[in-house]
Each structure stands twice: as C-alpha cells, then as structure tokens.
Amino acid sequence: MLFYLNYLLPLLEGASVVITTAFIVFRLPFLRQNLRYLGHNKAGVLFLLAFFSLMAIYGTHSGMIISPDGSLHSVPWSYDSGLQKDEAIINFRDLVVVSAGLVGGPLIGLIVGAVAGIERYQLGGFTAEACAVASLLSGILAGQVQRISNKMTVLIAAMTGSFAVLLQMLLILLITDLFSSALHLVAQIMLPVLLITTAGCYLFVLIIQLVEGDRLKMQAYYNAQIEPHFLMNTLNAIRSLIRVDPAKARAYVTSLGEFMRETQRYARKEYVSLRNELAQVQRYMDFQLLRFPHKIDYKVVDLDESLLENTLPPRTLLTLIENCLTHARQPHKKLLISVRIYATPDNKKVICEVSDNGKGIACKRLDQIGERRLSSDHKGGGRALYNLTQLLQHTFGNKVQFYVTSSEGKGTLVRLIFPKKI
C-alpha cells in the first residue's frame, strides 16, 4: 500500500495544479461568456488546443519515471535525456486529454490526444508506443462521448476517464514487448492513475457546469427583472372592464392566468422557440391593447415560418416590445410596433427586428444602448436592454449581433441577429 501512496501523491500534486488552473482560466469573463461557442470558431479552437495541449504535456512531465528497481525519478524536459528502454512513466496526461474531448468535442479531443501522444512517444521507454496510442484513442473517445451526450454530466465524465485508463492499461499489456515488465507496471500504477484520472475528469466537467451555472443565474435574474412590469396595470384594466362587460373581463382573467403560468414555465427554461416567444408576445400585447385600445397597435409584418422552431432565450422579443411601450410613446400619436423575422442572405442566422414610430433616441445615448446601464426617468428603466445584451452574449457568445438605429421624433429599429439553433 505504501508504494501506491508514493505514486499517488505526485500525481495528486500535479493534477491539482491543472484543475486549479482550469478553474481560474475558465472563469475569466470572456471565457465564461463564450465557453459553449469556443469549439465553433477559430480563435476558440486555437485557445482550447493550446490550453489543453500544454496541460497534457505538463501532465506527462510532472509525472515520475519508474525504473525496473522501483525507484522514482523526475521526467526530463529534454528528449536527449529521455527514458531508458526498460523505464516507464506514471502520469496524468490522459486526464487532460479526456477532459479536452469532453469540453471541446471530437476535433479538440483528437488533436490534443495526438499532440500529447506524440510528445510522450518522443520521451521513449518500453511503454512509449502504447501510451501514445492510448492518448490518441482517449481523445477520440472523449470527443465522441461529448458529441452523442444530450447533457454532459460529472458521472459520464468520470466513467469516460475510467474507461480511458483501462484502455491504456490494456494497450500497455498488448503492445509492449516486455510483457512481464508491463504486467508488473500495470499492477503498480493502475489504481493510482485510475483514481486521479476519474476524479480529475469529474472535477473538470464540474468546473464547466459551475461556469454554465453563472450564465443561468444571470438569466434567472434577468427574468425576475422583467416579470412584474405590467401585472398591476392589467388587473386595474380588468377591474374597470368588469363594470361594462363582465363576460369579456372573465375571458381576460383566464388569459392572464395562462400568461402568468407560461411566464413561470419560461423562467425555468434556457431556450424557447420563436413560435412560443411570438405567442407569449401576442398574449402580452392583448393586455396592452385592452389598456390602450386607441393608442397602440402591434403587427407581425414579415414572418418566415420556416424559422419558427429556432430557439433563443425566453422573453427576448418581449423585452424589445416592452422597451417600445415604455420609452417610445408620444402623447398625441398612436404608437405602431412592428416585428419582422427573416433569415440572413447565407441562411445561417436569424434576424429579428422590432421597430416603432415613437419618439426615438437621442444620438448621445444611441451608442450606449445595450452597452451599459443607463439612467432613466422610468422606474427600473435603463437596464432592460443592457440585461438582454448580457444574456445574449452569455448564450450565443460572439455569434450574436445587436444593433439599434433611431431618429428622434420618427422611431427606433432594433435588429437582433443570432445563429440558427433548434
């Protein structure tokens, strides 16, 4: 049991450095906002490849060389002073390789596995070929697990890490020429490597879930900010309607209950379809038209129905509509709100436009819309579009575009462009 501890402690120390580094790096604001899209753009792919490749190489060199007599030595950084033919390395390289595949997908797993495997092969030793092949296969395996998993969990991550270690041990037994030495090595290192790799993969995915949790907390905060805006005014409008048309008032009460129930359901969702979002907007506008039957109008003037199953964060369009009602109305002019939904020319993204004929936005404020919290005369105002843009960036990363154009006294157009996603 003592020799297990001799192997386990160096692995634990090195793996702790990697896990801590990952925790710090992936919580940086830019990465926290764009993590889910890192594997889908060139800069993100290069970052993941560089980070995980360096950590995998560190995982090899922070391990220990095992000599035939059982003594342990540091792994050299120079290939000229590599391993002797009868020596091997105990390390946690494949912990990083598997984590790369689980986080970045098949391409990242394949390339990181290949880089780590080739680098390990250069150091030599009687397990060099087996370890190189094992790293490559572990990266491919983890990438495929990430691709086919509906939702990556820490349990799946731990199981993938465990399987990768067992695969490595099997390859050491099958590929190496010195079978007796290989069998003795596997008996010595399998348990420490299994424990470190399994726990490390578990922690890596847990870190990603914590980062994702930050985004979901922001979304929940965002939902809570906009939910109560119109409720009291709607109830007052229904109360006034009871005196003149009780049957219609009852219908509105029923509709209000459906709207609030749908609102609560939305608050628990990460995405909703454009179809459901437009339906919720229509319910909302029905109550606004009850309050202001001759002062506002709302129409969907252009709708590509083939896009309706694409998804976006709940209440995205509703926030834009609310913003029109809050800031665009003028005393003696009917407010017209229009919605357009269509695809970009390359048919890869969705464009949502909300326009009005209201008072417009002053030029000095226009460039700041959505970029920061602005002061406003309205209670709770000045934050809605900022909160929305922050949520969209956390959801879509740098693949979302948000534009506001306006002319004072003539109206405002908000254009949202986001990736197709069903």
Protein backbone atom coordinates (compact mmCIF):
# COMPACT_ATOMS: atom_id res chain seq x y z
CA MET A 1 0.00 0.00 0.00
CA LEU A 2 2.92 2.35 0.68
CA PHE A 3 4.15 2.24 -2.91
CA TYR A 4 0.63 3.24 -4.04
CA LEU A 5 0.99 6.41 -1.97
CA ASN A 6 4.41 7.05 -3.46
CA TYR A 7 2.78 7.06 -6.89
CA LEU A 8 -0.46 8.78 -5.90
CA LEU A 9 0.95 11.85 -4.15
CA PRO A 10 3.00 13.22 -7.11
CA LEU A 11 0.02 12.66 -9.40
CA LEU A 12 -2.31 14.40 -6.96
CA GLU A 13 0.02 17.38 -6.66
CA GLY A 14 0.35 17.85 -10.43
CA ALA A 15 -3.35 17.24 -11.15
CA SER A 16 -4.27 19.82 -8.51
CA VAL A 17 -2.23 22.41 -10.37
CA VAL A 18 -4.05 21.63 -13.63
CA ILE A 19 -7.52 21.65 -12.05
CA THR A 20 -6.83 24.93 -10.25
CA THR A 21 -5.51 26.50 -13.45
CA ALA A 22 -8.61 25.37 -15.35
CA PHE A 23 -10.88 26.75 -12.63
CA ILE A 24 -9.21 30.17 -12.87
CA VAL A 25 -8.93 30.29 -16.66
CA PHE A 26 -12.47 29.18 -17.48
CA ARG A 27 -13.95 31.69 -15.07
CA LEU A 28 -12.35 34.63 -16.85
CA PRO A 29 -15.18 36.90 -18.08
CA PHE A 30 -14.55 36.36 -21.79
CA LEU A 31 -14.39 32.58 -21.49
CA ARG A 32 -17.30 32.42 -19.07
CA GLN A 33 -19.48 34.27 -21.59
CA ASN A 34 -18.39 32.33 -24.67
CA LEU A 35 -17.48 28.86 -23.39
CA ARG A 36 -20.22 27.00 -25.23
CA TYR A 37 -19.09 28.50 -28.55
CA LEU A 38 -15.33 28.19 -28.10
CA GLY A 39 -15.23 24.98 -30.11
CA HIS A 40 -17.09 26.59 -33.03
CA ASN A 41 -14.84 29.49 -34.01
CA LYS A 42 -11.18 29.67 -35.00
CA ALA A 43 -9.99 31.70 -32.02
CA GLY A 44 -11.83 29.42 -29.60
CA VAL A 45 -10.48 26.25 -31.22
CA LEU A 46 -6.93 27.59 -31.09
CA PHE A 47 -7.34 28.57 -27.45
CA LEU A 48 -8.67 25.16 -26.43
CA LEU A 49 -5.97 23.36 -28.42
CA ALA A 50 -3.21 25.46 -26.87
CA PHE A 51 -4.55 25.23 -23.33
CA PHE A 52 -5.24 21.51 -23.25
CA SER A 53 -2.11 20.57 -25.21
CA LEU A 54 0.12 22.49 -22.80
CA MET A 55 -1.69 20.99 -19.81
CA ALA A 56 -1.37 17.47 -21.27
CA ILE A 57 2.36 17.93 -21.81
CA TYR A 58 2.65 19.25 -18.27
CA GLY A 59 0.71 16.16 -17.16
CA THR A 60 3.42 13.96 -18.67
CA HIS A 61 6.40 15.87 -17.31
CA SER A 62 5.01 16.35 -13.82
CA GLY A 63 4.80 12.57 -13.52
CA MET A 64 7.57 10.24 -12.38
CA ILE A 65 9.88 7.81 -14.18
CA ILE A 66 9.64 4.29 -12.79
CA SER A 67 12.89 2.32 -13.02
CA PRO A 68 12.99 -1.50 -13.01
CA ASP A 69 14.14 -1.47 -9.38
CA GLY A 70 11.05 0.56 -8.40
CA SER A 71 12.86 3.85 -7.82
CA LEU A 72 11.22 7.10 -8.97
CA HIS A 73 12.85 9.95 -10.90
CA SER A 74 11.68 13.23 -12.36
CA VAL A 75 10.68 13.28 -16.02
CA PRO A 76 13.20 15.31 -18.08
CA TRP A 77 12.08 18.13 -20.37
CA SER A 78 14.84 17.28 -22.84
CA TYR A 79 14.27 14.45 -25.30
CA ASP A 80 18.02 13.87 -25.50
CA SER A 81 17.94 12.64 -21.91
CA GLY A 82 14.81 10.56 -22.33
CA LEU A 83 13.88 7.24 -20.78
CA GLN A 84 15.87 4.03 -20.89
CA LYS A 85 14.37 1.09 -22.76
CA ASP A 86 13.20 -0.59 -19.54
CA GLU A 87 11.73 2.54 -17.92
CA ALA A 88 8.15 3.89 -17.90
CA ILE A 89 6.30 6.99 -16.72
CA ILE A 90 3.39 7.25 -14.31
CA ASN A 91 1.48 10.46 -15.09
CA PHE A 92 -1.98 12.02 -15.51
CA ARG A 93 -1.63 13.10 -19.17
CA ASP A 94 -4.81 11.33 -20.26
CA LEU A 95 -6.84 13.11 -17.58
CA VAL A 96 -6.26 16.29 -19.60
CA VAL A 97 -6.77 14.57 -22.96
CA VAL A 98 -10.13 13.14 -21.90
CA SER A 99 -11.18 16.48 -20.42
CA ALA A 100 -10.27 18.18 -23.69
CA GLY A 101 -12.56 15.87 -25.62
CA LEU A 102 -15.38 16.20 -23.10
CA VAL A 103 -15.18 20.01 -23.17
CA GLY A 104 -14.21 20.73 -26.77
CA GLY A 105 -15.67 17.84 -28.73
CA PRO A 106 -14.25 15.40 -31.30
CA LEU A 107 -11.83 17.72 -33.10
CA ILE A 108 -10.28 19.08 -29.90
CA GLY A 109 -10.04 15.60 -28.37
CA LEU A 110 -8.41 14.16 -31.50
CA ILE A 111 -5.77 16.88 -31.88
CA VAL A 112 -4.91 17.17 -28.17
CA GLY A 113 -4.69 13.37 -27.94
CA ALA A 114 -2.37 13.30 -30.95
CA VAL A 115 -0.14 16.09 -29.63
CA ALA A 116 0.08 14.54 -26.17
CA GLY A 117 0.70 11.07 -27.62
CA ILE A 118 3.46 12.18 -29.97
CA GLU A 119 5.16 14.16 -27.22
CA ARG A 120 5.03 11.14 -24.91
CA TYR A 121 6.42 8.89 -27.65
CA GLN A 122 9.44 11.17 -28.04
CA LEU A 123 10.45 10.50 -24.42
CA GLY A 124 10.89 6.78 -25.08
CA GLY A 125 10.66 3.87 -22.64
CA PHE A 126 9.13 0.44 -23.16
CA THR A 127 5.54 1.81 -22.96
CA ALA A 128 6.07 4.72 -25.37
CA GLU A 129 4.05 3.25 -28.27
CA ALA A 130 1.22 2.02 -26.06
CA CYS A 131 0.91 5.33 -24.23
CA ALA A 132 0.97 7.33 -27.47
CA VAL A 133 -1.82 5.22 -28.99
CA ALA A 134 -3.79 5.35 -25.72
CA SER A 135 -3.69 9.16 -25.64
CA LEU A 136 -4.92 9.40 -29.21
CA LEU A 137 -7.75 6.91 -28.64
CA SER A 138 -8.72 8.58 -25.34
CA GLY A 139 -9.11 11.93 -27.06
CA ILE A 140 -11.23 10.41 -29.82
CA LEU A 141 -13.34 8.51 -27.29
CA ALA A 142 -14.00 11.56 -25.12
CA GLY A 143 -14.85 13.70 -28.14
CA GLN A 144 -17.41 11.18 -29.33
CA VAL A 145 -18.92 10.95 -25.85
CA GLN A 146 -19.33 14.74 -25.86
CA ARG A 147 -20.91 14.64 -29.32
CA ILE A 148 -23.54 11.99 -28.55
CA SER A 149 -24.37 13.08 -24.99
CA ASN A 150 -27.56 15.10 -24.71
CA LYS A 151 -26.24 16.55 -21.48
CA MET A 152 -22.72 16.10 -20.16
CA THR A 153 -22.76 15.08 -16.50
CA VAL A 154 -19.98 14.57 -13.99
CA LEU A 155 -20.88 10.86 -13.85
CA ILE A 156 -20.41 10.47 -17.62
CA ALA A 157 -17.11 12.35 -17.34
CA ALA A 158 -15.87 10.10 -14.54
CA MET A 159 -16.89 6.94 -16.41
CA THR A 160 -15.15 8.16 -19.59
CA GLY A 161 -11.97 8.86 -17.63
CA SER A 162 -12.09 5.42 -16.02
CA PHE A 163 -12.57 3.70 -19.36
CA ALA A 164 -9.64 5.64 -20.84
CA VAL A 165 -7.34 4.39 -18.05
CA LEU A 166 -8.46 0.78 -18.52
CA LEU A 167 -7.87 1.16 -22.26
CA GLN A 168 -4.36 2.46 -21.60
CA MET A 169 -3.52 -0.43 -19.29
CA LEU A 170 -4.82 -2.94 -21.84
CA LEU A 171 -2.70 -1.39 -24.59
CA ILE A 172 0.39 -1.49 -22.37
CA LEU A 173 -0.14 -5.22 -21.94
CA LEU A 174 -0.86 -5.86 -25.62
CA ILE A 175 1.67 -3.65 -27.41
CA THR A 176 4.82 -3.72 -25.28
CA ASP A 177 7.47 -6.34 -25.94
CA LEU A 178 8.40 -6.81 -22.27
CA PHE A 179 5.16 -8.48 -21.13
CA SER A 180 6.37 -9.40 -17.64
CA SER A 181 7.59 -5.85 -17.05
CA ALA A 182 4.31 -4.48 -18.47
CA LEU A 183 2.24 -6.71 -16.20
CA HIS A 184 4.26 -5.65 -13.17
CA LEU A 185 3.92 -1.97 -14.15
CA VAL A 186 0.14 -2.19 -14.63
CA ALA A 187 -0.24 -3.83 -11.22
CA GLN A 188 1.69 -0.94 -9.68
CA ILE A 189 0.19 2.09 -11.41
CA MET A 190 -3.36 1.19 -12.45
CA LEU A 191 -5.08 2.10 -9.17
CA PRO A 192 -3.36 5.50 -8.62
CA VAL A 193 -3.83 6.52 -12.27
CA LEU A 194 -7.45 5.34 -12.22
CA LEU A 195 -8.23 7.36 -9.10
CA ILE A 196 -6.57 10.56 -10.33
CA THR A 197 -8.00 10.41 -13.87
CA THR A 198 -11.53 9.58 -12.75
CA ALA A 199 -11.58 12.31 -10.11
CA GLY A 200 -9.90 14.82 -12.42
CA CYS A 201 -12.41 14.32 -15.25
CA TYR A 202 -15.21 14.65 -12.71
CA LEU A 203 -13.79 17.96 -11.48
CA PHE A 204 -13.13 19.31 -14.99
CA VAL A 205 -16.76 18.88 -16.02
CA LEU A 206 -17.88 20.21 -12.64
CA ILE A 207 -15.91 23.40 -13.38
CA ILE A 208 -17.69 23.74 -16.73
CA GLN A 209 -21.04 23.28 -15.01
CA LEU A 210 -20.15 25.99 -12.49
CA VAL A 211 -19.29 28.35 -15.34
CA GLU A 212 -22.56 27.48 -17.08
CA GLY A 213 -24.36 28.00 -13.78
CA ASP A 214 -23.15 31.61 -13.74
CA ARG A 215 -24.88 32.18 -17.06
CA LEU A 216 -28.10 30.53 -15.90
CA LYS A 217 -28.11 32.65 -12.74
CA MET A 218 -27.83 35.74 -14.92
CA GLN A 219 -30.77 34.50 -16.99
CA ALA A 220 -32.88 33.87 -13.88
CA TYR A 221 -32.03 37.37 -12.61
CA TYR A 222 -32.94 38.80 -15.98
CA ASN A 223 -36.31 37.02 -15.98
CA ALA A 224 -37.08 38.25 -12.48
CA GLN A 225 -36.32 41.82 -13.54
CA ILE A 226 -38.92 41.97 -16.29
CA GLU A 227 -41.72 39.76 -14.99
CA PRO A 228 -43.89 42.15 -12.87
CA HIS A 229 -43.91 45.20 -15.18
CA PHE A 230 -47.45 45.11 -16.43
CA LEU A 231 -49.33 42.97 -13.90
CA MET A 232 -50.89 45.63 -11.67
CA ASN A 233 -51.97 47.82 -14.58
CA THR A 234 -53.54 44.83 -16.29
CA LEU A 235 -55.52 43.95 -13.17
CA ASN A 236 -56.75 47.53 -12.93
CA ALA A 237 -57.85 47.41 -16.58
CA ILE A 238 -59.74 44.16 -16.00
CA ARG A 239 -61.39 45.65 -12.91
CA SER A 240 -62.66 48.56 -14.99
CA LEU A 241 -63.90 46.14 -17.68
CA ILE A 242 -65.97 44.18 -15.14
CA ARG A 243 -68.44 47.09 -14.90
CA VAL A 244 -69.17 47.25 -18.62
CA ASP A 245 -68.56 43.73 -19.95
CA PRO A 246 -68.29 41.03 -17.25
CA ALA A 247 -68.04 38.16 -19.76
CA LYS A 248 -65.12 39.79 -21.54
CA ALA A 249 -63.50 40.52 -18.18
CA ARG A 250 -63.73 36.84 -17.24
CA ALA A 251 -62.06 35.89 -20.52
CA TYR A 252 -59.21 38.30 -19.80
CA VAL A 253 -58.78 36.88 -16.29
CA THR A 254 -58.46 33.40 -17.80
CA SER A 255 -55.96 34.70 -20.35
CA LEU A 256 -54.00 36.44 -17.61
CA GLY A 257 -53.74 33.17 -15.70
CA GLU A 258 -52.45 31.42 -18.83
CA PHE A 259 -49.94 34.20 -19.42
CA MET A 260 -48.58 34.04 -15.89
CA ARG A 261 -48.42 30.25 -15.96
CA GLU A 262 -46.49 30.41 -19.23
CA THR A 263 -44.24 33.08 -17.74
CA GLN A 264 -43.33 30.82 -14.82
CA ARG A 265 -42.66 27.96 -17.22
CA TYR A 266 -40.40 30.19 -19.30
CA ALA A 267 -38.41 31.19 -16.22
CA ARG A 268 -37.28 27.58 -15.84
CA LYS A 269 -36.18 27.23 -19.47
CA GLU A 270 -32.88 28.02 -21.08
CA TYR A 271 -34.33 28.35 -24.58
CA VAL A 272 -37.75 28.75 -26.17
CA SER A 273 -38.73 28.53 -29.82
CA LEU A 274 -39.52 31.66 -31.79
CA ARG A 275 -43.02 30.24 -32.23
CA ASN A 276 -43.60 30.14 -28.47
CA GLU A 277 -41.94 33.51 -27.96
CA LEU A 278 -44.23 35.16 -30.51
CA ALA A 279 -47.26 33.53 -28.90
CA GLN A 280 -46.23 34.92 -25.50
CA VAL A 281 -45.69 38.37 -27.02
CA GLN A 282 -49.19 38.24 -28.52
CA ARG A 283 -50.69 37.40 -25.10
CA TYR A 284 -48.79 40.30 -23.60
CA MET A 285 -49.95 42.69 -26.31
CA ASP A 286 -53.57 41.59 -25.89
CA PHE A 287 -53.48 43.06 -22.38
CA GLN A 288 -51.77 46.23 -23.58
CA LEU A 289 -54.43 46.68 -26.24
CA LEU A 290 -57.04 46.26 -23.52
CA ARG A 291 -55.49 49.16 -21.65
CA PHE A 292 -54.75 51.35 -24.68
CA PRO A 293 -57.15 50.31 -27.48
CA HIS A 294 -56.72 53.52 -29.48
CA LYS A 295 -53.15 54.46 -28.59
CA ILE A 296 -51.08 51.46 -29.70
CA ASP A 297 -51.04 48.89 -32.49
CA TYR A 298 -48.94 45.74 -32.92
CA LYS A 299 -48.32 43.65 -36.04
CA VAL A 300 -46.02 40.93 -37.32
CA VAL A 301 -45.46 42.33 -40.79
CA ASP A 302 -42.90 39.85 -42.14
CA LEU A 303 -42.52 36.28 -40.89
CA ASP A 304 -40.52 33.41 -42.36
CA GLU A 305 -42.39 30.48 -40.83
CA SER A 306 -39.53 28.09 -41.59
CA LEU A 307 -37.55 29.84 -38.82
CA LEU A 308 -40.11 29.44 -36.05
CA GLU A 309 -38.51 26.38 -34.46
CA ASN A 310 -35.20 28.16 -33.94
CA THR A 311 -34.56 29.00 -30.31
CA LEU A 312 -33.42 31.96 -28.23
CA PRO A 313 -33.53 32.92 -24.53
CA PRO A 314 -37.09 33.34 -23.23
CA ARG A 315 -38.58 36.86 -23.28
CA THR A 316 -36.06 38.23 -25.74
CA LEU A 317 -38.65 39.70 -28.10
CA LEU A 318 -40.92 40.56 -25.19
CA THR A 319 -38.20 42.78 -23.73
CA LEU A 320 -37.86 44.64 -27.01
CA ILE A 321 -41.64 45.14 -27.17
CA GLU A 322 -41.74 46.31 -23.54
CA ASN A 323 -38.96 48.76 -24.30
CA CYS A 324 -41.06 50.30 -27.10
CA LEU A 325 -44.08 50.68 -24.83
CA THR A 326 -42.01 52.17 -22.02
CA HIS A 327 -39.86 54.63 -23.93
CA ALA A 328 -41.33 55.29 -27.39
CA ARG A 329 -44.89 56.52 -26.78
CA GLN A 330 -45.80 60.12 -27.53
CA PRO A 331 -48.85 61.95 -26.10
CA HIS A 332 -50.75 62.69 -29.32
CA LYS A 333 -49.54 59.98 -31.68
CA LYS A 334 -50.61 56.34 -31.99
CA LEU A 335 -47.67 54.01 -31.36
CA LEU A 336 -47.17 51.41 -34.08
CA ILE A 337 -44.97 48.41 -33.20
CA SER A 338 -43.88 46.04 -35.96
CA VAL A 339 -41.97 42.73 -35.89
CA ARG A 340 -40.06 41.13 -38.75
CA ILE A 341 -38.37 37.70 -38.64
CA TYR A 342 -36.31 36.51 -41.60
CA ALA A 343 -33.02 34.76 -42.42
CA THR A 344 -29.67 36.26 -43.37
CA PRO A 345 -28.71 36.00 -47.07
CA ASP A 346 -26.49 32.97 -46.37
CA ASN A 347 -29.40 31.34 -44.47
CA LYS A 348 -27.16 30.61 -41.47
CA LYS A 349 -28.62 33.11 -39.00
CA VAL A 350 -31.97 34.51 -37.92
CA ILE A 351 -32.77 38.22 -37.95
CA CYS A 352 -35.43 39.59 -35.60
CA GLU A 353 -36.41 43.23 -35.96
CA VAL A 354 -38.67 45.26 -33.68
CA SER A 355 -39.49 48.77 -34.90
CA ASP A 356 -41.73 51.62 -33.76
CA ASN A 357 -42.76 55.07 -34.90
CA GLY A 358 -42.18 56.64 -31.50
CA LYS A 359 -40.13 59.46 -30.08
CA GLY A 360 -36.75 57.94 -30.98
CA ILE A 361 -33.47 58.04 -29.07
CA ALA A 362 -31.08 60.94 -28.70
CA CYS A 363 -27.82 60.49 -30.60
CA LYS A 364 -25.69 60.86 -27.48
CA ARG A 365 -27.48 57.87 -25.90
CA LEU A 366 -27.78 55.73 -29.00
CA ASP A 367 -24.25 54.29 -28.94
CA GLN A 368 -24.64 53.38 -25.26
CA ILE A 369 -27.85 51.38 -25.69
CA GLY A 370 -27.23 47.79 -24.63
CA GLU A 371 -23.61 48.54 -23.72
CA ARG A 372 -24.14 49.81 -20.17
CA ARG A 373 -26.82 50.59 -17.63
CA LEU A 374 -28.31 53.98 -18.44
CA SER A 375 -30.16 56.44 -16.23
CA SER A 376 -33.88 56.68 -16.98
CA ASP A 377 -36.93 58.59 -15.82
CA HIS A 378 -38.86 55.32 -15.65
CA LYS A 379 -38.76 53.20 -12.52
CA GLY A 380 -36.34 50.36 -13.15
CA GLY A 381 -35.62 51.78 -16.59
CA GLY A 382 -32.29 51.99 -18.34
CA ARG A 383 -31.39 48.37 -17.62
CA ALA A 384 -33.63 46.18 -19.77
CA LEU A 385 -31.61 46.26 -23.00
CA TYR A 386 -28.33 46.06 -21.11
CA ASN A 387 -29.52 42.96 -19.24
CA LEU A 388 -30.78 41.48 -22.50
CA THR A 389 -27.50 42.01 -24.35
CA GLN A 390 -25.55 40.48 -21.46
CA LEU A 391 -27.81 37.43 -21.52
CA LEU A 392 -27.49 37.08 -25.30
CA GLN A 393 -23.70 37.25 -25.08
CA HIS A 394 -23.68 34.58 -22.38
CA THR A 395 -25.96 32.44 -24.56
CA PHE A 396 -24.54 32.88 -28.05
CA GLY A 397 -21.07 34.30 -27.38
CA ASN A 398 -19.62 36.40 -30.20
CA LYS A 399 -22.06 34.91 -32.72
CA VAL A 400 -24.83 37.32 -31.72
CA GLN A 401 -25.20 40.84 -33.10
CA PHE A 402 -27.37 43.59 -31.63
CA TYR A 403 -27.98 46.89 -33.43
CA VAL A 404 -30.11 49.91 -32.58
CA THR A 405 -30.87 52.66 -35.11
CA SER A 406 -33.10 55.60 -34.33
CA SER A 407 -34.20 59.04 -35.45
CA GLU A 408 -35.60 61.48 -32.92
CA GLY A 409 -39.30 62.03 -33.46
CA LYS A 410 -39.54 59.30 -36.11
CA GLY A 411 -38.91 56.00 -34.35
CA THR A 412 -36.44 53.23 -33.48
CA LEU A 413 -35.39 49.93 -35.04
CA VAL A 414 -33.73 47.15 -33.02
CA ARG A 415 -32.14 44.36 -35.04
CA LEU A 416 -31.06 41.11 -33.39
CA ILE A 417 -29.04 38.55 -35.38
CA PHE A 418 -28.30 35.15 -33.84
CA PRO A 419 -27.28 31.64 -35.03
CA LYS A 420 -29.87 29.16 -36.14
CA LYS A 421 -30.41 26.64 -33.35
CA ILE A 422 -33.27 24.18 -32.92
